[in-house]
């Protein structure tokens, strides 16, 4: 992963690529979280394959792409027709492809202003959480050099009584998650947070907040107020 989908921490794509080149290893990077939000120089980066998903940069859901560096290849995913240079048989989703290309082009035309707005939102929420929620714990890197502006993962040291925190947020109209969409329905906890050394009880109270260009500071203020109210509910139930 170029950036982790739960905590937003980024790897140094160039450094990893150089290691792979040194040991003659093929390098594929999942850039789903960073495509459309990060400037890539694929010509000068030792990466052979990258993948992206349109819905992460405001394109149509269900559409994605793979970049394959010149001189390299991948085996066919679906056999039959000769579409996609014999790599994936089946009629292409033309509308999805066009929508994805348009969204990606628009994201990169507005990359600087969009990134500045997203970082302003993330930093504001981090500051407000630290100011109003004394039990908050920030997971992963939070600086622009080592993380993405679209994800902020936090945990609240409020006891197991608040394991229903996501449910309470949903009831109050706040869309957040306890992890990535890939792990929805799992009750074993986050392997990412466990790898960071977060205690299981604290990990069960982790929330991933995501930011988009349509979000506002007023919405963050609303989240903070509702979080304060929710955490009071948890304390009252002890």
Foldseek 3Di string as FASTA:
>chain_A
DQADQFQFFGDDQQVVLVVCVVVVHAAEEECAQCQLQDDDDVVPGNHAKYKYAQVNLPFDHPDIDMDGDPPDDDDAPDADDCPPNRNYDDDDPVVRVVRSVVSSVVSVVCNPVFQVLLQVQQVLLVVLCVVQQVQKDWDHDNDPVTGGSFKTKIWGPQFLLCLCVCVLCVVVPHDKDLGHPVCPPPDPFDPRVVVVVDDPRRSSRMIMGGDGSPDDPVVSVVVSVSSVVSSVVSVVVD
